[in-house]
Amino acid sequence: PCTSHRGCGVTASGERLLCRRSDGACVPALTAGCDAILGGAALDADEPIVAALFTSRAPIHAPTHRAMVAAASLALADVTGAGGIPIAGRSHPIALLVCDDGAGHAKDRLAETVTHVVETGGVRILIGGGSVDGALDLAAVAAPRDTFVLSPSATIADFAPRGGALAAGLPALLDAPGRARIGAAVGEHVAKGVPEMLA
């Protein structure tokens, strides 16, 4: 049985595998709902953090999808250049699964995708969705799973907590108290995910 994502590596065909903590099985990182990994090299590090970016692949949302992936890539490059995310005196590289929030075309698949990233990837931080509706759907699905949802698309500061999910929208990033609240929430959910997130 695997004990880390690094222990799973890739298949002979180059398919990236993740360690599913529930049964120690190596399973594909990419599914019908998650079709890319940003910063995949982090999965070969000692203690990576895996997060997930949710946008819609519906044609009507294509410009937003491209913009969100490009922005995430730039942010990830900054984090990687700084040596990773510091937690408890250590820096951890981050990998980001790029997933479909289903808005406008496949909402019924969202629950399956969230289950995959949370239970397989050990993800506790979900970023998205690519629209207000996508963000609300994502927060609702994430609620029973003790996750943190941060949406650049939501136009209100707080659209949760709902169950175990704390969800924050863009306005919460625009003032110091909001940023402090989000920082504390992210730290709390990262801590809850150890050792699940630090695989």
C-alpha atoms as a PDB file:
ATOM      1  CA  PRO A   1       0.000   0.000   0.000  1.00  0.00           C
ATOM      2  CA  CYS A   2       1.131   3.549  -0.703  1.00  0.00           C
ATOM      3  CA  THR A   3       1.768   6.118   2.028  1.00  0.00           C
ATOM      4  CA  SER A   4       2.493   9.172  -0.138  1.00  0.00           C
ATOM      5  CA  HIS A   5       1.787  10.599  -3.567  1.00  0.00           C
ATOM      6  CA  ARG A   6       5.498  10.371  -4.326  1.00  0.00           C
ATOM      7  CA  GLY A   7       5.356   6.636  -3.668  1.00  0.00           C
ATOM      8  CA  CYS A   8       2.835   6.237  -6.479  1.00  0.00           C
ATOM      9  CA  GLY A   9       4.680   8.177  -9.168  1.00  0.00           C
ATOM     10  CA  VAL A  10       3.520   7.667 -12.758  1.00  0.00           C
ATOM     11  CA  THR A  11       2.458   4.724 -14.880  1.00  0.00           C
ATOM     12  CA  ALA A  12       4.484   3.384 -17.806  1.00  0.00           C
ATOM     13  CA  SER A  13       2.355   5.561 -20.093  1.00  0.00           C
ATOM     14  CA  GLY A  14       3.134   8.676 -18.039  1.00  0.00           C
ATOM     15  CA  GLU A  15      -0.177   8.903 -16.181  1.00  0.00           C
ATOM     16  CA  ARG A  16       0.205  10.621 -12.798  1.00  0.00           C
ATOM     17  CA  LEU A  17      -1.012   8.620  -9.784  1.00  0.00           C
ATOM     18  CA  LEU A  18      -2.127   9.790  -6.358  1.00  0.00           C
ATOM     19  CA  CYS A  19      -2.156   7.862  -3.104  1.00  0.00           C
ATOM     20  CA  ARG A  20      -5.694   7.298  -1.844  1.00  0.00           C
ATOM     21  CA  ARG A  21      -5.388   7.337   1.933  1.00  0.00           C
ATOM     22  CA  SER A  22      -8.514   5.322   2.653  1.00  0.00           C
ATOM     23  CA  ASP A  23      -7.075   2.086   1.278  1.00  0.00           C
ATOM     24  CA  GLY A  24      -3.472   2.855   0.310  1.00  0.00           C
ATOM     25  CA  ALA A  25      -4.168   2.374  -3.388  1.00  0.00           C
ATOM     26  CA  CYS A  26      -2.468   4.309  -6.178  1.00  0.00           C
ATOM     27  CA  VAL A  27      -5.191   5.791  -8.396  1.00  0.00           C
ATOM     28  CA  PRO A  28      -5.156   8.129 -11.425  1.00  0.00           C
ATOM     29  CA  ALA A  29      -4.933  11.815 -10.545  1.00  0.00           C
ATOM     30  CA  LEU A  30      -6.823  12.835 -13.666  1.00  0.00           C
ATOM     31  CA  THR A  31     -10.438  11.846 -14.209  1.00  0.00           C
ATOM     32  CA  ALA A  32     -13.338  12.956 -16.353  1.00  0.00           C
ATOM     33  CA  GLY A  33     -13.755  15.829 -13.902  1.00  0.00           C
ATOM     34  CA  CYS A  34     -10.099  16.852 -13.460  1.00  0.00           C
ATOM     35  CA  ASP A  35      -8.088  17.035 -16.657  1.00  0.00           C
ATOM     36  CA  ALA A  36      -4.833  18.795 -15.730  1.00  0.00           C
ATOM     37  CA  ILE A  37      -2.292  19.270 -12.961  1.00  0.00           C
ATOM     38  CA  LEU A  38      -0.397  22.518 -12.440  1.00  0.00           C
ATOM     39  CA  GLY A  39       2.870  22.131 -10.562  1.00  0.00           C
ATOM     40  CA  GLY A  40       2.822  18.362 -10.866  1.00  0.00           C
ATOM     41  CA  ALA A  41       6.513  18.124  -9.938  1.00  0.00           C
ATOM     42  CA  ALA A  42       5.495  18.995  -6.380  1.00  0.00           C
ATOM     43  CA  LEU A  43       3.923  15.534  -6.076  1.00  0.00           C
ATOM     44  CA  ASP A  44       7.430  14.055  -6.083  1.00  0.00           C
ATOM     45  CA  ALA A  45       8.477  16.168  -3.085  1.00  0.00           C
ATOM     46  CA  ASP A  46       8.476  15.001   0.526  1.00  0.00           C
ATOM     47  CA  GLU A  47       5.430  16.946   1.724  1.00  0.00           C
ATOM     48  CA  PRO A  48       3.423  18.550  -1.078  1.00  0.00           C
ATOM     49  CA  ILE A  49       0.124  20.315  -0.608  1.00  0.00           C
ATOM     50  CA  VAL A  50      -2.531  19.446  -3.178  1.00  0.00           C
ATOM     51  CA  ALA A  51      -5.284  21.990  -3.879  1.00  0.00           C
ATOM     52  CA  ALA A  52      -7.948  22.101  -6.586  1.00  0.00           C
ATOM     53  CA  LEU A  53      -9.061  24.807  -9.003  1.00  0.00           C
ATOM     54  CA  PHE A  54     -12.644  24.483 -10.249  1.00  0.00           C
ATOM     55  CA  THR A  55     -13.782  26.242 -13.438  1.00  0.00           C
ATOM     56  CA  SER A  56     -16.415  25.411 -16.025  1.00  0.00           C
ATOM     57  CA  ARG A  57     -15.498  23.723 -19.297  1.00  0.00           C
ATOM     58  CA  ALA A  58     -18.773  24.815 -20.890  1.00  0.00           C
ATOM     59  CA  PRO A  59     -18.046  26.736 -24.122  1.00  0.00           C
ATOM     60  CA  ILE A  60     -19.806  29.837 -22.827  1.00  0.00           C
ATOM     61  CA  HIS A  61     -17.337  29.967 -19.915  1.00  0.00           C
ATOM     62  CA  ALA A  62     -14.186  29.304 -21.993  1.00  0.00           C
ATOM     63  CA  PRO A  63     -12.696  32.825 -21.593  1.00  0.00           C
ATOM     64  CA  THR A  64     -13.139  32.679 -17.817  1.00  0.00           C
ATOM     65  CA  HIS A  65     -11.654  29.180 -17.697  1.00  0.00           C
ATOM     66  CA  ARG A  66      -8.564  30.278 -19.623  1.00  0.00           C
ATOM     67  CA  ALA A  67      -8.139  33.375 -17.471  1.00  0.00           C
ATOM     68  CA  MET A  68      -8.453  31.452 -14.199  1.00  0.00           C
ATOM     69  CA  VAL A  69      -5.979  28.773 -15.273  1.00  0.00           C
ATOM     70  CA  ALA A  70      -3.511  31.430 -16.457  1.00  0.00           C
ATOM     71  CA  ALA A  71      -3.844  33.342 -13.172  1.00  0.00           C
ATOM     72  CA  ALA A  72      -3.407  30.164 -11.153  1.00  0.00           C
ATOM     73  CA  SER A  73      -0.300  29.280 -13.157  1.00  0.00           C
ATOM     74  CA  LEU A  74       1.246  32.681 -12.418  1.00  0.00           C
ATOM     75  CA  ALA A  75       0.400  32.419  -8.714  1.00  0.00           C
ATOM     76  CA  LEU A  76       1.803  28.912  -8.566  1.00  0.00           C
ATOM     77  CA  ALA A  77       5.017  30.092 -10.214  1.00  0.00           C
ATOM     78  CA  ASP A  78       5.338  32.797  -7.542  1.00  0.00           C
ATOM     79  CA  VAL A  79       4.763  30.303  -4.730  1.00  0.00           C
ATOM     80  CA  THR A  80       7.229  27.846  -6.250  1.00  0.00           C
ATOM     81  CA  GLY A  81       9.796  30.604  -6.734  1.00  0.00           C
ATOM     82  CA  ALA A  82       9.455  31.522  -3.078  1.00  0.00           C
ATOM     83  CA  GLY A  83      10.172  27.922  -2.066  1.00  0.00           C
ATOM     84  CA  GLY A  84       6.618  26.812  -1.342  1.00  0.00           C
ATOM     85  CA  ILE A  85       4.060  27.500   1.387  1.00  0.00           C
ATOM     86  CA  PRO A  86       5.538  27.842   4.892  1.00  0.00           C
ATOM     87  CA  ILE A  87       3.793  25.757   7.547  1.00  0.00           C
ATOM     88  CA  ALA A  88       5.213  25.172  11.017  1.00  0.00           C
ATOM     89  CA  GLY A  89       8.714  26.157  10.019  1.00  0.00           C
ATOM     90  CA  ARG A  90       8.834  24.106   6.819  1.00  0.00           C
ATOM     91  CA  SER A  91       8.100  25.031   3.210  1.00  0.00           C
ATOM     92  CA  HIS A  92       5.829  22.820   1.144  1.00  0.00           C
ATOM     93  CA  PRO A  93       5.462  22.875  -2.655  1.00  0.00           C
ATOM     94  CA  ILE A  94       1.951  23.012  -4.029  1.00  0.00           C
ATOM     95  CA  ALA A  95       0.256  21.094  -6.833  1.00  0.00           C
ATOM     96  CA  LEU A  96      -3.072  22.222  -8.251  1.00  0.00           C
ATOM     97  CA  LEU A  97      -5.618  19.900  -9.835  1.00  0.00           C
ATOM     98  CA  VAL A  98      -7.638  21.697 -12.533  1.00  0.00           C
ATOM     99  CA  CYS A  99     -11.223  20.467 -12.375  1.00  0.00           C
ATOM    100  CA  ASP A 100     -14.618  21.118 -13.967  1.00  0.00           C
ATOM    101  CA  ASP A 101     -17.257  22.761 -11.774  1.00  0.00           C
ATOM    102  CA  GLY A 102     -19.913  21.599 -14.234  1.00  0.00           C
ATOM    103  CA  ALA A 103     -21.620  25.010 -14.463  1.00  0.00           C
ATOM    104  CA  GLY A 104     -23.699  25.266 -17.606  1.00  0.00           C
ATOM    105  CA  HIS A 105     -23.260  21.692 -18.769  1.00  0.00           C
ATOM    106  CA  ALA A 106     -22.518  18.951 -16.212  1.00  0.00           C
ATOM    107  CA  LYS A 107     -23.583  19.940 -12.711  1.00  0.00           C
ATOM    108  CA  ASP A 108     -24.544  16.365 -11.901  1.00  0.00           C
ATOM    109  CA  ARG A 109     -20.863  15.344 -12.083  1.00  0.00           C
ATOM    110  CA  LEU A 110     -19.615  17.905  -9.556  1.00  0.00           C
ATOM    111  CA  ALA A 111     -20.183  15.764  -6.454  1.00  0.00           C
ATOM    112  CA  GLU A 112     -18.180  12.904  -7.956  1.00  0.00           C
ATOM    113  CA  THR A 113     -15.323  15.262  -8.844  1.00  0.00           C
ATOM    114  CA  VAL A 114     -15.215  16.865  -5.390  1.00  0.00           C
ATOM    115  CA  THR A 115     -15.232  13.416  -3.788  1.00  0.00           C
ATOM    116  CA  HIS A 116     -12.264  12.457  -5.964  1.00  0.00           C
ATOM    117  CA  VAL A 117     -10.113  15.450  -5.059  1.00  0.00           C
ATOM    118  CA  VAL A 118     -10.963  15.363  -1.354  1.00  0.00           C
ATOM    119  CA  GLU A 119     -10.775  11.621  -0.728  1.00  0.00           C
ATOM    120  CA  THR A 120      -8.043  10.757  -3.226  1.00  0.00           C
ATOM    121  CA  GLY A 121      -5.963  13.907  -3.307  1.00  0.00           C
ATOM    122  CA  GLY A 122      -6.392  14.835   0.349  1.00  0.00           C
ATOM    123  CA  VAL A 123      -7.497  18.287  -0.805  1.00  0.00           C
ATOM    124  CA  ARG A 124      -8.896  20.667   1.803  1.00  0.00           C
ATOM    125  CA  ILE A 125      -8.767  23.925  -0.204  1.00  0.00           C
ATOM    126  CA  LEU A 126     -11.018  24.303  -3.239  1.00  0.00           C
ATOM    127  CA  ILE A 127     -10.727  27.407  -5.444  1.00  0.00           C
ATOM    128  CA  GLY A 128     -13.653  28.313  -7.713  1.00  0.00           C
ATOM    129  CA  GLY A 129     -16.005  27.957  -9.379  1.00  0.00           C
ATOM    130  CA  GLY A 130     -15.686  29.886 -12.559  1.00  0.00           C
ATOM    131  CA  SER A 131     -19.002  31.707 -12.055  1.00  0.00           C
ATOM    132  CA  VAL A 132     -21.262  32.725  -9.175  1.00  0.00           C
ATOM    133  CA  ASP A 133     -23.503  29.716  -9.817  1.00  0.00           C
ATOM    134  CA  GLY A 134     -20.449  27.467  -9.984  1.00  0.00           C
ATOM    135  CA  ALA A 135     -19.171  28.865  -6.683  1.00  0.00           C
ATOM    136  CA  LEU A 136     -22.506  28.288  -4.947  1.00  0.00           C
ATOM    137  CA  ASP A 137     -22.743  24.748  -6.311  1.00  0.00           C
ATOM    138  CA  LEU A 138     -19.172  24.022  -5.259  1.00  0.00           C
ATOM    139  CA  ALA A 139     -19.744  25.307  -1.720  1.00  0.00           C
ATOM    140  CA  ALA A 140     -22.928  23.253  -1.382  1.00  0.00           C
ATOM    141  CA  VAL A 141     -21.245  20.043  -2.531  1.00  0.00           C
ATOM    142  CA  ALA A 142     -18.176  20.694  -0.373  1.00  0.00           C
ATOM    143  CA  ALA A 143     -20.226  21.351   2.772  1.00  0.00           C
ATOM    144  CA  PRO A 144     -20.153  17.819   4.268  1.00  0.00           C
ATOM    145  CA  ARG A 145     -16.465  17.378   3.511  1.00  0.00           C
ATOM    146  CA  ASP A 146     -14.790  19.853   5.908  1.00  0.00           C
ATOM    147  CA  THR A 147     -13.179  21.959   3.211  1.00  0.00           C
ATOM    148  CA  PHE A 148     -12.475  25.626   2.537  1.00  0.00           C
ATOM    149  CA  VAL A 149     -13.877  27.150  -0.649  1.00  0.00           C
ATOM    150  CA  LEU A 150     -12.379  30.403  -1.940  1.00  0.00           C
ATOM    151  CA  SER A 151     -14.092  31.897  -4.959  1.00  0.00           C
ATOM    152  CA  PRO A 152     -12.796  34.809  -7.042  1.00  0.00           C
ATOM    153  CA  SER A 153     -16.186  34.734  -8.788  1.00  0.00           C
ATOM    154  CA  ALA A 154     -18.450  35.228  -5.761  1.00  0.00           C
ATOM    155  CA  THR A 155     -19.586  38.804  -5.244  1.00  0.00           C
ATOM    156  CA  ILE A 156     -20.294  38.533  -1.520  1.00  0.00           C
ATOM    157  CA  ALA A 157     -17.686  38.162   1.198  1.00  0.00           C
ATOM    158  CA  ASP A 158     -19.238  35.135   2.888  1.00  0.00           C
ATOM    159  CA  PHE A 159     -21.564  32.637   1.247  1.00  0.00           C
ATOM    160  CA  ALA A 160     -21.070  30.023   3.987  1.00  0.00           C
ATOM    161  CA  PRO A 161     -20.194  28.340   6.360  1.00  0.00           C
ATOM    162  CA  ARG A 162     -22.413  25.540   5.180  1.00  0.00           C
ATOM    163  CA  GLY A 163     -21.813  22.439   7.230  1.00  0.00           C
ATOM    164  CA  GLY A 164     -18.079  21.848   7.321  1.00  0.00           C
ATOM    165  CA  ALA A 165     -17.270  24.163   4.414  1.00  0.00           C
ATOM    166  CA  LEU A 166     -16.226  27.755   4.952  1.00  0.00           C
ATOM    167  CA  ALA A 167     -16.665  29.730   1.759  1.00  0.00           C
ATOM    168  CA  ALA A 168     -15.393  33.234   1.018  1.00  0.00           C
ATOM    169  CA  GLY A 169     -15.834  35.438  -2.032  1.00  0.00           C
ATOM    170  CA  LEU A 170     -13.754  38.130  -3.699  1.00  0.00           C
ATOM    171  CA  PRO A 171     -14.852  41.072  -1.498  1.00  0.00           C
ATOM    172  CA  ALA A 172     -13.322  39.322   1.504  1.00  0.00           C
ATOM    173  CA  LEU A 173      -9.923  39.713  -0.171  1.00  0.00           C
ATOM    174  CA  LEU A 174     -10.275  43.464  -0.573  1.00  0.00           C
ATOM    175  CA  ASP A 175      -9.859  44.550   3.048  1.00  0.00           C
ATOM    176  CA  ALA A 176      -7.442  43.626   5.804  1.00  0.00           C
ATOM    177  CA  PRO A 177      -9.982  41.965   8.156  1.00  0.00           C
ATOM    178  CA  GLY A 178     -11.274  39.833   5.284  1.00  0.00           C
ATOM    179  CA  ARG A 179      -7.787  38.751   4.307  1.00  0.00           C
ATOM    180  CA  ALA A 180      -6.968  37.946   7.931  1.00  0.00           C
ATOM    181  CA  ARG A 181     -10.122  35.843   8.248  1.00  0.00           C
ATOM    182  CA  ILE A 182      -9.310  33.937   5.064  1.00  0.00           C
ATOM    183  CA  GLY A 183      -5.714  33.436   6.169  1.00  0.00           C
ATOM    184  CA  ALA A 184      -6.872  31.971   9.472  1.00  0.00           C
ATOM    185  CA  ALA A 185      -9.394  29.717   7.715  1.00  0.00           C
ATOM    186  CA  VAL A 186      -6.828  28.443   5.243  1.00  0.00           C
ATOM    187  CA  GLY A 187      -4.391  27.750   8.071  1.00  0.00           C
ATOM    188  CA  GLU A 188      -7.083  25.871  10.000  1.00  0.00           C
ATOM    189  CA  HIS A 189      -8.028  23.670   7.055  1.00  0.00           C
ATOM    190  CA  VAL A 190      -4.419  23.004   6.148  1.00  0.00           C
ATOM    191  CA  ALA A 191      -3.795  21.936   9.739  1.00  0.00           C
ATOM    192  CA  LYS A 192      -6.839  19.655   9.672  1.00  0.00           C
ATOM    193  CA  GLY A 193      -5.512  18.036   6.542  1.00  0.00           C
ATOM    194  CA  VAL A 194      -2.165  17.096   8.060  1.00  0.00           C
ATOM    195  CA  PRO A 195      -1.044  14.407   7.418  1.00  0.00           C
ATOM    196  CA  GLU A 196      -3.663  13.974   4.671  1.00  0.00           C
ATOM    197  CA  MET A 197      -2.612  17.054   2.716  1.00  0.00           C
ATOM    198  CA  LEU A 198       1.080  16.629   3.418  1.00  0.00           C
ATOM    199  CA  ALA A 199       1.376  13.309   1.679  1.00  0.00           C
END
